[in-house]
C-alpha atoms as a PDB file:
ATOM      1  CA  MET A   1      -9.827   7.604   3.432  1.00  0.00           C
ATOM      2  CA  LYS A   2      -9.805   8.574  -0.241  1.00  0.00           C
ATOM      3  CA  PRO A   3     -11.566   5.982  -2.448  1.00  0.00           C
ATOM      4  CA  LEU A   4      -9.508   4.284  -5.147  1.00  0.00           C
ATOM      5  CA  GLU A   5     -11.188   3.302  -8.405  1.00  0.00           C
ATOM      6  CA  LEU A   6      -8.887   4.263 -11.264  1.00  0.00           C
ATOM      7  CA  HIS A   7      -5.270   5.318 -10.905  1.00  0.00           C
ATOM      8  CA  THR A   8      -2.643   6.205 -13.523  1.00  0.00           C
ATOM      9  CA  GLY A   9       0.930   6.818 -12.480  1.00  0.00           C
ATOM     10  CA  VAL A  10       4.649   6.460 -13.062  1.00  0.00           C
ATOM     11  CA  ALA A  11       5.911   3.004 -12.100  1.00  0.00           C
ATOM     12  CA  ALA A  12       9.121   2.265 -10.203  1.00  0.00           C
ATOM     13  CA  PRO A  13      10.405  -1.334 -10.444  1.00  0.00           C
ATOM     14  CA  LEU A  14      11.929  -2.623  -7.199  1.00  0.00           C
ATOM     15  CA  LEU A  15      12.060  -6.254  -8.230  1.00  0.00           C
ATOM     16  CA  ARG A  16      13.685  -7.659  -5.103  1.00  0.00           C
ATOM     17  CA  ALA A  17      12.391 -10.608  -3.134  1.00  0.00           C
ATOM     18  CA  ASN A  18      11.663 -10.307   0.585  1.00  0.00           C
ATOM     19  CA  VAL A  19      11.633  -6.512   0.893  1.00  0.00           C
ATOM     20  CA  ASP A  20      10.933  -6.245   4.603  1.00  0.00           C
ATOM     21  CA  THR A  21       9.414  -3.449   6.627  1.00  0.00           C
ATOM     22  CA  ASP A  22      12.798  -2.472   8.080  1.00  0.00           C
ATOM     23  CA  ALA A  23      14.025  -1.825   4.538  1.00  0.00           C
ATOM     24  CA  ILE A  24      10.887   0.182   3.794  1.00  0.00           C
ATOM     25  CA  ILE A  25      11.270   2.328   6.920  1.00  0.00           C
ATOM     26  CA  PRO A  26      14.296   1.612   9.157  1.00  0.00           C
ATOM     27  CA  SER A  27      13.607   1.731  12.880  1.00  0.00           C
ATOM     28  CA  ARG A  28      15.939   4.705  13.367  1.00  0.00           C
ATOM     29  CA  GLU A  29      13.692   6.700  11.029  1.00  0.00           C
ATOM     30  CA  MET A  30      10.666   6.250  13.272  1.00  0.00           C
ATOM     31  CA  ARG A  31      11.243   9.236  15.517  1.00  0.00           C
ATOM     32  CA  ARG A  32       7.630  10.306  15.938  1.00  0.00           C
ATOM     33  CA  VAL A  33       4.251   8.710  16.592  1.00  0.00           C
ATOM     34  CA  SER A  34       2.329  10.637  13.926  1.00  0.00           C
ATOM     35  CA  ARG A  35       1.852   9.579  10.317  1.00  0.00           C
ATOM     36  CA  SER A  36       3.526  12.699   8.956  1.00  0.00           C
ATOM     37  CA  GLY A  37       7.236  13.257   8.353  1.00  0.00           C
ATOM     38  CA  LEU A  38       8.010   9.639   7.455  1.00  0.00           C
ATOM     39  CA  ALA A  39       8.414   9.904   3.674  1.00  0.00           C
ATOM     40  CA  ASP A  40      11.928  11.302   4.055  1.00  0.00           C
ATOM     41  CA  GLY A  41      13.022   8.041   5.681  1.00  0.00           C
ATOM     42  CA  LEU A  42      11.416   5.738   3.103  1.00  0.00           C
ATOM     43  CA  PHE A  43      13.942   3.108   1.948  1.00  0.00           C
ATOM     44  CA  ALA A  44      16.637   5.110   3.768  1.00  0.00           C
ATOM     45  CA  HIS A  45      19.178   2.237   3.663  1.00  0.00           C
ATOM     46  CA  TRP A  46      18.999   2.149  -0.133  1.00  0.00           C
ATOM     47  CA  ARG A  47      17.906   5.659  -1.020  1.00  0.00           C
ATOM     48  CA  TYR A  48      20.833   7.461   0.579  1.00  0.00           C
ATOM     49  CA  LEU A  49      24.599   7.019   0.474  1.00  0.00           C
ATOM     50  CA  ASP A  50      24.660   8.816   3.820  1.00  0.00           C
ATOM     51  CA  ALA A  51      21.292   8.629   5.583  1.00  0.00           C
ATOM     52  CA  GLU A  52      22.220  11.140   8.275  1.00  0.00           C
ATOM     53  CA  ARG A  53      23.139  13.820   5.727  1.00  0.00           C
ATOM     54  CA  ARG A  54      20.442  12.648   3.269  1.00  0.00           C
ATOM     55  CA  LEU A  55      23.010  12.233   0.489  1.00  0.00           C
ATOM     56  CA  PRO A  56      21.033  10.577  -2.357  1.00  0.00           C
ATOM     57  CA  ASN A  57      22.165   7.315  -3.898  1.00  0.00           C
ATOM     58  CA  PRO A  58      21.943   7.949  -7.675  1.00  0.00           C
ATOM     59  CA  ASP A  59      21.632   4.212  -8.357  1.00  0.00           C
ATOM     60  CA  PHE A  60      18.425   3.741  -6.359  1.00  0.00           C
ATOM     61  CA  ILE A  61      15.320   3.585  -8.545  1.00  0.00           C
ATOM     62  CA  LEU A  62      13.314   6.267  -6.719  1.00  0.00           C
ATOM     63  CA  ASN A  63      16.189   8.718  -7.173  1.00  0.00           C
ATOM     64  CA  HIS A  64      16.197   8.384 -10.965  1.00  0.00           C
ATOM     65  CA  PRO A  65      14.893  11.621 -12.530  1.00  0.00           C
ATOM     66  CA  GLU A  66      12.710   9.688 -14.961  1.00  0.00           C
ATOM     67  CA  ARG A  67      10.887   8.094 -12.007  1.00  0.00           C
ATOM     68  CA  ALA A  68       9.919  11.438 -10.467  1.00  0.00           C
ATOM     69  CA  GLY A  69       6.462  11.304  -8.943  1.00  0.00           C
ATOM     70  CA  ALA A  70       6.302   7.507  -8.983  1.00  0.00           C
ATOM     71  CA  SER A  71       3.062   6.307  -7.403  1.00  0.00           C
ATOM     72  CA  ILE A  72       3.099   2.652  -8.473  1.00  0.00           C
ATOM     73  CA  LEU A  73       5.733   0.347  -6.991  1.00  0.00           C
ATOM     74  CA  LEU A  74       6.513  -2.933  -8.769  1.00  0.00           C
ATOM     75  CA  GLY A  75       7.913  -5.382  -6.240  1.00  0.00           C
ATOM     76  CA  GLY A  76       9.065  -8.956  -5.858  1.00  0.00           C
ATOM     77  CA  PRO A  77       7.837 -11.976  -3.885  1.00  0.00           C
ATOM     78  CA  ASN A  78       6.990 -11.702  -0.180  1.00  0.00           C
ATOM     79  CA  PHE A  79       6.809  -7.924  -0.220  1.00  0.00           C
ATOM     80  CA  GLY A  80       6.397  -6.304   3.200  1.00  0.00           C
ATOM     81  CA  CYS A  81       7.704  -9.228   5.238  1.00  0.00           C
ATOM     82  CA  GLY A  82       9.354  -8.788   8.634  1.00  0.00           C
ATOM     83  CA  SER A  83       7.817  -6.870  11.511  1.00  0.00           C
ATOM     84  CA  SER A  84       4.212  -5.666  11.481  1.00  0.00           C
ATOM     85  CA  ARG A  85       5.127  -1.961  11.713  1.00  0.00           C
ATOM     86  CA  GLU A  86       2.408   0.168  10.142  1.00  0.00           C
ATOM     87  CA  PHE A  87       4.946   2.961   9.793  1.00  0.00           C
ATOM     88  CA  ALA A  88       6.107   1.248   6.585  1.00  0.00           C
ATOM     89  CA  VAL A  89       2.726   1.802   4.940  1.00  0.00           C
ATOM     90  CA  TRP A  90       2.476   5.339   6.317  1.00  0.00           C
ATOM     91  CA  ALA A  91       5.868   6.204   4.795  1.00  0.00           C
ATOM     92  CA  LEU A  92       4.873   4.787   1.407  1.00  0.00           C
ATOM     93  CA  ALA A  93       1.571   6.654   1.455  1.00  0.00           C
ATOM     94  CA  GLU A  94       3.149   9.981   2.418  1.00  0.00           C
ATOM     95  CA  PHE A  95       5.749   9.570  -0.338  1.00  0.00           C
ATOM     96  CA  GLY A  96       2.898   9.258  -2.823  1.00  0.00           C
ATOM     97  CA  VAL A  97       2.722   5.517  -3.485  1.00  0.00           C
ATOM     98  CA  ARG A  98      -0.877   4.462  -4.117  1.00  0.00           C
ATOM     99  CA  VAL A  99      -0.401   1.001  -5.639  1.00  0.00           C
ATOM    100  CA  ILE A 100       2.071  -1.789  -4.838  1.00  0.00           C
ATOM    101  CA  VAL A 101       2.281  -4.693  -7.275  1.00  0.00           C
ATOM    102  CA  ALA A 102       3.872  -7.960  -6.162  1.00  0.00           C
ATOM    103  CA  PRO A 103       3.412 -11.725  -6.578  1.00  0.00           C
ATOM    104  CA  ASP A 104       2.447 -11.953  -2.910  1.00  0.00           C
ATOM    105  CA  PHE A 105       2.553  -9.936   0.305  1.00  0.00           C
ATOM    106  CA  ASN A 106       3.063 -10.491   3.982  1.00  0.00           C
ATOM    107  CA  PRO A 107      -0.567 -10.763   5.239  1.00  0.00           C
ATOM    108  CA  ILE A 108      -0.201  -8.107   7.959  1.00  0.00           C
ATOM    109  CA  PHE A 109       1.456  -5.662   5.564  1.00  0.00           C
ATOM    110  CA  GLN A 110      -1.289  -6.333   3.035  1.00  0.00           C
ATOM    111  CA  LYS A 111      -3.995  -5.538   5.597  1.00  0.00           C
ATOM    112  CA  ASN A 112      -2.163  -2.384   6.677  1.00  0.00           C
ATOM    113  CA  CYS A 113      -2.049  -1.241   3.053  1.00  0.00           C
ATOM    114  CA  VAL A 114      -5.801  -1.603   2.632  1.00  0.00           C
ATOM    115  CA  ALA A 115      -6.489   0.089   5.981  1.00  0.00           C
ATOM    116  CA  ASN A 116      -4.519   3.118   4.767  1.00  0.00           C
ATOM    117  CA  GLY A 117      -5.850   3.342   1.224  1.00  0.00           C
ATOM    118  CA  LEU A 118      -2.997   1.620  -0.652  1.00  0.00           C
ATOM    119  CA  LEU A 119      -3.782  -1.106  -3.153  1.00  0.00           C
ATOM    120  CA  PRO A 120      -1.716  -4.306  -2.746  1.00  0.00           C
ATOM    121  CA  ALA A 121      -2.237  -5.890  -6.181  1.00  0.00           C
ATOM    122  CA  GLN A 122      -1.084  -9.479  -6.664  1.00  0.00           C
ATOM    123  CA  VAL A 123       0.324 -10.226 -10.118  1.00  0.00           C
ATOM    124  CA  PRO A 124       2.524 -13.185 -11.166  1.00  0.00           C
ATOM    125  CA  GLN A 125       6.216 -12.337 -11.478  1.00  0.00           C
ATOM    126  CA  SER A 126       6.140 -12.737 -15.257  1.00  0.00           C
ATOM    127  CA  GLY A 127       3.383 -10.130 -15.502  1.00  0.00           C
ATOM    128  CA  ILE A 128       5.280  -7.712 -13.269  1.00  0.00           C
ATOM    129  CA  GLN A 129       8.420  -8.090 -15.368  1.00  0.00           C
ATOM    130  CA  ALA A 130       6.426  -7.335 -18.527  1.00  0.00           C
ATOM    131  CA  LEU A 131       4.952  -4.188 -16.941  1.00  0.00           C
ATOM    132  CA  ALA A 132       8.407  -3.123 -15.746  1.00  0.00           C
ATOM    133  CA  ALA A 133       9.946  -3.657 -19.189  1.00  0.00           C
ATOM    134  CA  TRP A 134       7.279  -1.490 -20.828  1.00  0.00           C
ATOM    135  CA  SER A 135       7.671   1.217 -18.185  1.00  0.00           C
ATOM    136  CA  ASP A 136      11.466   1.191 -18.597  1.00  0.00           C
ATOM    137  CA  GLU A 137      11.168   2.248 -22.239  1.00  0.00           C
ATOM    138  CA  ASP A 138       9.942   5.704 -21.195  1.00  0.00           C
ATOM    139  CA  PRO A 139       8.807   5.891 -17.542  1.00  0.00           C
ATOM    140  CA  GLN A 140       7.143   9.293 -17.731  1.00  0.00           C
ATOM    141  CA  ARG A 141       5.271   8.520 -20.931  1.00  0.00           C
ATOM    142  CA  ASN A 142       4.567   4.822 -20.337  1.00  0.00           C
ATOM    143  CA  ARG A 143       2.471   5.214 -17.217  1.00  0.00           C
ATOM    144  CA  LEU A 144       0.490   2.288 -15.842  1.00  0.00           C
ATOM    145  CA  THR A 145      -3.254   2.497 -15.310  1.00  0.00           C
ATOM    146  CA  VAL A 146      -4.836   0.477 -12.521  1.00  0.00           C
ATOM    147  CA  ASP A 147      -8.575  -0.188 -12.699  1.00  0.00           C
ATOM    148  CA  LEU A 148      -9.750  -1.549  -9.372  1.00  0.00           C
ATOM    149  CA  ARG A 149     -13.332  -1.871 -10.600  1.00  0.00           C
ATOM    150  CA  ALA A 150     -12.236  -4.442 -13.192  1.00  0.00           C
ATOM    151  CA  SER A 151      -9.131  -5.645 -11.264  1.00  0.00           C
ATOM    152  CA  VAL A 152      -6.834  -5.143 -14.264  1.00  0.00           C
ATOM    153  CA  MET A 153      -3.759  -3.102 -15.149  1.00  0.00           C
ATOM    154  CA  GLU A 154      -3.065  -1.496 -18.495  1.00  0.00           C
ATOM    155  CA  GLY A 155       0.517  -1.184 -19.601  1.00  0.00           C
ATOM    156  CA  GLY A 156       1.441  -1.432 -23.244  1.00  0.00           C
ATOM    157  CA  GLY A 157       0.109  -4.860 -24.111  1.00  0.00           C
ATOM    158  CA  SER A 158      -2.926  -6.846 -23.085  1.00  0.00           C
ATOM    159  CA  PRO A 159      -4.599  -5.957 -19.780  1.00  0.00           C
ATOM    160  CA  VAL A 160      -2.908  -7.663 -16.822  1.00  0.00           C
ATOM    161  CA  PRO A 161      -5.377  -8.970 -14.214  1.00  0.00           C
ATOM    162  CA  PHE A 162      -4.492  -8.728 -10.552  1.00  0.00           C
ATOM    163  CA  ALA A 163      -5.832 -10.470  -7.473  1.00  0.00           C
ATOM    164  CA  ILE A 164      -7.273  -8.924  -4.323  1.00  0.00           C
ATOM    165  CA  SER A 165      -9.926 -10.241  -1.968  1.00  0.00           C
ATOM    166  CA  GLU A 166     -13.433  -8.951  -2.603  1.00  0.00           C
ATOM    167  CA  GLY A 167     -13.696  -7.485   0.882  1.00  0.00           C
ATOM    168  CA  GLN A 168     -10.471  -5.527   0.456  1.00  0.00           C
ATOM    169  CA  ARG A 169     -11.476  -4.420  -3.033  1.00  0.00           C
ATOM    170  CA  VAL A 170     -14.767  -3.002  -1.747  1.00  0.00           C
ATOM    171  CA  ARG A 171     -13.038  -1.216   1.142  1.00  0.00           C
ATOM    172  CA  LEU A 172     -10.648   0.535  -1.249  1.00  0.00           C
ATOM    173  CA  LEU A 173     -13.359   1.372  -3.767  1.00  0.00           C
ATOM    174  CA  ARG A 174     -15.468   2.989  -1.052  1.00  0.00           C
ATOM    175  CA  GLY A 175     -12.605   4.459   0.972  1.00  0.00           C
ATOM    176  CA  LEU A 176     -13.510   2.626   4.173  1.00  0.00           C
ATOM    177  CA  ASP A 177     -10.949   2.607   6.971  1.00  0.00           C
ATOM    178  CA  ASP A 178     -11.412   0.527  10.141  1.00  0.00           C
ATOM    179  CA  ILE A 179     -13.449   3.228  11.885  1.00  0.00           C
ATOM    180  CA  THR A 180     -15.848   3.936   9.034  1.00  0.00           C
ATOM    181  CA  LEU A 181     -16.207   0.205   8.450  1.00  0.00           C
ATOM    182  CA  THR A 182     -17.270  -0.225  12.079  1.00  0.00           C
ATOM    183  CA  ASP A 183     -19.628   2.763  11.834  1.00  0.00           C
ATOM    184  CA  GLU A 184     -21.442   1.033   8.975  1.00  0.00           C
ATOM    185  CA  SER A 185     -22.391  -1.716  11.421  1.00  0.00           C
ATOM    186  CA  GLY A 186     -23.764   0.749  13.952  1.00  0.00           C
ATOM    187  CA  ALA A 187     -27.370  -0.433  13.586  1.00  0.00           C
ATOM    188  CA  LYS A 188     -26.348  -4.078  14.122  1.00  0.00           C
ATOM    189  CA  ILE A 189     -24.280  -3.125  17.165  1.00  0.00           C
ATOM    190  CA  ASP A 190     -27.197  -1.170  18.678  1.00  0.00           C
ATOM    191  CA  ALA A 191     -29.575  -4.074  18.029  1.00  0.00           C
ATOM    192  CA  PHE A 192     -27.157  -6.486  19.713  1.00  0.00           C
ATOM    193  CA  GLU A 193     -26.883  -4.217  22.767  1.00  0.00           C
ATOM    194  CA  ARG A 194     -30.679  -3.924  23.063  1.00  0.00           C
ATOM    195  CA  GLN A 195     -31.096  -7.694  22.843  1.00  0.00           C
ATOM    196  CA  ARG A 196     -28.308  -8.287  25.368  1.00  0.00           C
ATOM    197  CA  LEU A 197     -29.900  -5.905  27.881  1.00  0.00           C
ATOM    198  CA  ALA A 198     -33.299  -7.486  27.329  1.00  0.00           C
ATOM    199  CA  GLU A 199     -31.891 -10.940  28.051  1.00  0.00           C
ATOM    200  CA  GLN A 200     -29.461  -9.829  30.792  1.00  0.00           C
ATOM    201  CA  PRO A 201     -30.940  -6.675  32.378  1.00  0.00           C
ATOM    202  CA  TRP A 202     -28.618  -6.961  35.359  1.00  0.00           C
ATOM    203  CA  VAL A 203     -25.637  -6.151  33.109  1.00  0.00           C
ATOM    204  CA  ARG A 204     -25.498  -2.437  32.293  1.00  0.00           C
ATOM    205  CA  LEU A 205     -22.453  -0.471  31.144  1.00  0.00           C
ATOM    206  CA  ASP A 206     -23.660   2.703  32.893  1.00  0.00           C
ATOM    207  CA  GLN A 207     -23.755   1.170  36.351  1.00  0.00           C
END
């Protein structure tokens, strides 16, 4: 997983409350079990006038030419609610989203973001609206900068702090997914197994 320390990108305001995982990636768009090929179905209900023919909806924020290459999504309260489908995070990541900013997230969605290298940054609604207003003036020029080391965002005015748990912050900074995180505890796991066999020699996994 690619570490995330400092990221600058075009922002796309999607300031709706309760954006659920079915809106992020509708179930009919999940036609494969791999992580690839999902970006085309991202926000399909809103992004297309005709999803089957992929006819773009010109009113949807990600279809605006000035938002081309958007990698920072500004959201509303309870972002990522609904089902626990990890496909939603995979679709966002493949599309190019690296940072999602919202007042709060569904806990499972938040964990899925971190496990896949996306930063779920918690910012009060007033702060998000200020960042969106500055971005709206000239989206391609007024790009937001996210500094995970300092847990702040830069966007026109004073730095905007964001919240994330220390454990999740460290995982993103170091690029640790669930497997590499477990591997880091390999010595502790081996020590536990040696102690267990010493205390319970009759229990062996190779028998």
